[in-house]
Protein backbone atom coordinates (compact mmCIF):
# COMPACT_ATOMS: atom_id res chain seq x y z
CA MET A 1 -43.28 72.84 37.38
CA LYS A 2 -41.37 71.27 34.50
CA ILE A 3 -37.41 71.18 33.68
CA SER A 4 -38.11 72.78 30.49
CA ASP A 5 -39.54 75.90 32.27
CA CYS A 6 -36.27 76.60 33.97
CA MET A 7 -33.31 74.87 31.89
CA THR A 8 -30.82 76.65 29.50
CA ARG A 9 -31.76 76.09 26.02
CA LYS A 10 -28.55 77.47 24.45
CA VAL A 11 -26.08 74.61 24.73
CA ARG A 12 -22.86 74.59 22.79
CA VAL A 13 -22.01 71.31 22.08
CA ILE A 14 -18.43 70.34 21.68
CA GLU A 15 -16.15 67.24 19.58
CA PRO A 16 -14.23 64.56 21.71
CA GLY A 17 -11.10 65.65 19.85
CA LEU A 18 -11.12 69.05 20.18
CA SER A 19 -8.12 70.19 22.81
CA LEU A 20 -9.15 71.18 26.08
CA ARG A 21 -7.40 74.27 25.65
CA GLU A 22 -9.98 75.14 23.45
CA ALA A 23 -12.89 73.38 25.54
CA ALA A 24 -11.57 75.97 28.24
CA ARG A 25 -11.62 78.89 26.04
CA ILE A 26 -15.51 78.02 25.12
CA MET A 27 -16.52 77.71 28.73
CA ALA A 28 -14.63 81.04 29.54
CA ASP A 29 -16.70 82.66 26.64
CA LEU A 30 -19.85 80.89 27.19
CA ASP A 31 -19.36 81.62 31.69
CA ALA A 32 -19.99 77.81 31.53
CA GLY A 33 -18.94 75.14 33.66
CA VAL A 34 -19.68 72.36 31.73
CA LEU A 35 -20.19 71.47 28.21
CA PRO A 36 -21.77 68.73 26.82
CA VAL A 37 -19.45 66.36 24.14
CA GLY A 38 -21.11 65.37 21.20
CA ASP A 39 -19.64 62.79 18.21
CA LYS A 40 -22.17 63.08 14.72
CA ASP A 41 -25.37 62.90 16.38
CA ARG A 42 -25.05 61.50 19.54
CA LEU A 43 -24.14 62.41 22.95
CA VAL A 44 -20.67 60.70 24.31
CA GLY A 45 -20.28 62.63 26.99
CA VAL A 46 -19.59 65.62 29.20
CA LEU A 47 -16.63 67.88 29.96
CA THR A 48 -16.86 70.19 33.20
CA ASP A 49 -13.89 72.75 34.42
CA ARG A 50 -13.54 69.95 37.16
CA ASP A 51 -12.81 67.47 34.56
CA ILE A 52 -10.02 69.69 33.15
CA ALA A 53 -8.56 70.33 36.71
CA ILE A 54 -8.80 67.02 38.35
CA ARG A 55 -9.12 64.32 35.42
CA ALA A 56 -6.15 66.17 33.12
CA ILE A 57 -4.13 69.05 34.49
CA ALA A 58 -3.88 66.90 37.90
CA ALA A 59 -3.00 63.68 36.17
CA GLY A 60 -0.22 65.44 34.43
CA LYS A 61 -2.19 65.90 30.85
CA GLY A 62 -1.56 69.46 28.85
CA PRO A 63 -3.57 71.91 27.42
CA ASP A 64 -3.09 69.95 23.98
CA ALA A 65 -4.69 66.47 25.48
CA ARG A 66 -8.18 65.41 23.71
CA VAL A 67 -11.63 66.26 25.39
CA SER A 68 -12.12 62.44 25.56
CA GLU A 69 -9.02 61.93 27.74
CA ALA A 70 -10.59 64.06 30.67
CA MET A 71 -14.63 63.99 29.87
CA SER A 72 -17.16 62.02 31.66
CA ALA A 73 -18.40 59.39 29.45
CA GLU A 74 -21.16 58.13 31.42
CA VAL A 75 -24.07 60.60 30.56
CA LYS A 76 -26.66 61.12 33.43
CA TYR A 77 -29.68 63.26 31.97
CA CYS A 78 -33.45 64.05 32.65
CA TYR A 79 -36.04 64.41 29.97
CA GLU A 80 -37.33 68.09 29.48
CA ASP A 81 -40.98 67.11 30.73
CA GLU A 82 -40.11 65.83 34.03
CA ASP A 83 -41.08 67.35 37.21
CA VAL A 84 -38.22 69.42 38.80
CA GLU A 85 -38.47 68.31 42.19
CA HIS A 86 -37.81 64.54 40.66
CA VAL A 87 -34.88 65.69 38.98
CA ALA A 88 -33.85 67.53 41.94
CA ARG A 89 -33.65 64.73 43.96
CA ASN A 90 -31.91 62.43 41.15
CA MET A 91 -29.03 65.02 41.01
CA GLY A 92 -28.82 64.86 44.83
CA ASP A 93 -28.91 60.77 44.75
CA LEU A 94 -26.06 61.07 41.73
CA GLN A 95 -24.32 64.02 43.41
CA ILE A 96 -24.03 65.97 40.05
CA ARG A 97 -24.85 69.86 39.97
CA ARG A 98 -25.62 69.64 36.10
CA LEU A 99 -27.77 67.52 33.69
CA PRO A 100 -27.97 67.89 30.01
CA VAL A 101 -31.44 67.68 28.92
CA MET A 102 -32.89 65.64 26.19
CA ASN A 103 -36.51 65.51 24.16
CA ARG A 104 -38.17 62.09 24.20
CA GLU A 105 -36.65 61.26 21.30
CA LYS A 106 -33.12 61.50 22.87
CA ARG A 107 -32.25 65.13 21.26
CA LEU A 108 -30.24 67.48 23.38
CA VAL A 109 -32.36 70.64 24.20
CA GLY A 110 -30.71 71.79 27.07
CA ILE A 111 -28.92 71.85 30.06
CA VAL A 112 -30.09 72.18 33.65
CA THR A 113 -28.04 73.31 36.78
CA LEU A 114 -28.82 72.87 40.55
CA GLY A 115 -28.94 76.72 40.38
CA ASP A 116 -31.33 76.81 37.75
CA ILE A 117 -33.71 74.80 39.88
CA ALA A 118 -32.87 76.89 42.88
CA CYS A 119 -33.58 79.99 41.17
CA SER A 120 -37.16 78.63 39.70
CA GLN A 121 -40.17 80.68 41.47
CA ARG A 122 -41.78 78.02 42.02
CA ALA A 123 -39.35 75.04 42.93
CA ASP A 124 -39.88 73.46 46.37
CA SER A 125 -36.89 74.81 48.48
CA GLU A 126 -36.73 71.87 50.85
CA CYS A 127 -36.35 69.77 47.72
CA VAL A 128 -33.53 72.16 46.59
CA GLY A 129 -31.89 72.16 49.62
CA GLU A 130 -31.65 68.43 50.54
CA ALA A 131 -30.31 67.81 46.70
CA LEU A 132 -28.02 70.47 47.62
CA GLY A 133 -26.84 68.47 50.86
CA ASN A 134 -26.57 65.06 48.90
CA ILE A 135 -24.62 66.46 46.57
CA SER A 136 -22.24 68.18 48.49
CA ARG A 137 -21.52 65.32 50.62
CA HIS A 138 -17.91 63.76 50.04
CA GLY A 139 -17.49 60.20 47.72
CA GLY A 140 -19.90 59.24 45.75
CA ILE A 141 -20.06 57.58 42.41
CA HIS A 142 -18.68 60.67 40.24
CA THR A 143 -15.50 61.15 42.96
CA GLN A 144 -13.02 62.46 40.97
CA SER A 145 -10.47 62.09 43.57
CA PRO A 146 -8.17 58.69 43.79
CA HIS A 147 -8.43 57.60 47.44
């Protein structure tokens, strides 16, 4: 099974100069916990609800701070033609729950979450369980805690 079979295709891209308040409103409207951040025709980051809470608010930034001040600039992604099991393992290894999905021309075509993968009818449940266990382990390269 390919990622294109279970990803969400309708994705809203926000600009790095947008306020965190507006980004949070968009997340609420979409009922989404992540927004890709684009500058012109390039994906430059991702902003999660956790980025807003931990990187911004906990660090003393207010709702008028810019998305660029809280987003994760190191963008990990997968390709739409990759196998679900491979992507799930990578998500576990990287300890991330959501990935932008690109086509081979490196254009954003969707987003995939561990939940999308888990809900796909043909996903290997052992693989998904292993990925979730790895994602949930403390620490890792994407930790946002100061310790």
